[in-house]
């Protein structure tokens, strides 16, 4: 994985964390966690095949 790819993932995860941290609505917080889980899951080889 190149540093360019790592930067893109870090920015996306940072946006998800900011949404989780600052949004008061429980559904929006759950959405942020779900999106972050998919971002991380796409990097794991076994999970990547299932997605």
Protein backbone atom coordinates (compact mmCIF):
# COMPACT_ATOMS: atom_id res chain seq x y z
CA UNK A 1 0.00 0.00 0.00
CA UNK A 2 1.42 3.34 -1.02
CA UNK A 3 1.47 6.49 1.05
CA UNK A 4 -1.06 8.03 -1.34
CA UNK A 5 -3.53 5.23 -0.61
CA UNK A 6 -2.88 5.49 3.13
CA UNK A 7 -3.56 9.24 2.99
CA UNK A 8 -6.91 8.71 1.26
CA UNK A 9 -7.94 6.10 3.83
CA UNK A 10 -6.82 8.30 6.72
CA UNK A 11 -8.84 11.26 5.44
CA UNK A 12 -11.94 9.11 4.99
CA UNK A 13 -11.59 7.58 8.45
CA UNK A 14 -11.00 11.05 9.91
CA UNK A 15 -14.25 12.27 8.37
CA UNK A 16 -16.08 9.25 9.79
CA UNK A 17 -14.61 9.88 13.22
CA UNK A 18 -15.61 13.55 13.09
CA UNK A 19 -19.16 12.57 12.14
CA UNK A 20 -19.27 10.04 14.97
CA UNK A 21 -17.85 12.47 17.50
CA UNK A 22 -19.90 15.58 16.70
CA UNK A 23 -23.28 14.37 15.44
CA UNK A 24 -25.82 13.93 18.24
CA UNK A 25 -28.26 11.66 16.39
CA UNK A 26 -27.70 7.94 17.18
CA UNK A 27 -28.55 6.82 13.63
CA UNK A 28 -25.98 9.20 12.15
CA UNK A 29 -23.36 7.94 14.58
CA UNK A 30 -24.17 4.34 13.63
CA UNK A 31 -23.85 5.27 9.96
CA UNK A 32 -20.41 6.75 10.57
CA UNK A 33 -19.28 3.56 12.30
CA UNK A 34 -20.69 1.45 9.49
CA UNK A 35 -18.93 3.44 6.80
CA UNK A 36 -15.66 3.28 8.74
CA UNK A 37 -16.09 -0.49 9.07
CA UNK A 38 -16.52 -0.87 5.33
CA UNK A 39 -13.45 1.28 4.67
CA UNK A 40 -11.35 -0.87 6.98
CA UNK A 41 -12.94 -4.10 5.75
CA UNK A 42 -12.02 -3.34 2.16
CA UNK A 43 -8.36 -3.43 3.18
CA UNK A 44 -8.49 -6.93 4.71
CA UNK A 45 -7.93 -9.61 2.03
CA UNK A 46 -10.53 -12.14 3.23
CA UNK A 47 -13.23 -9.53 3.79
CA UNK A 48 -12.36 -7.69 0.59
CA UNK A 49 -13.46 -10.69 -1.47
CA UNK A 50 -16.85 -10.77 0.25
CA UNK A 51 -17.46 -7.06 -0.34
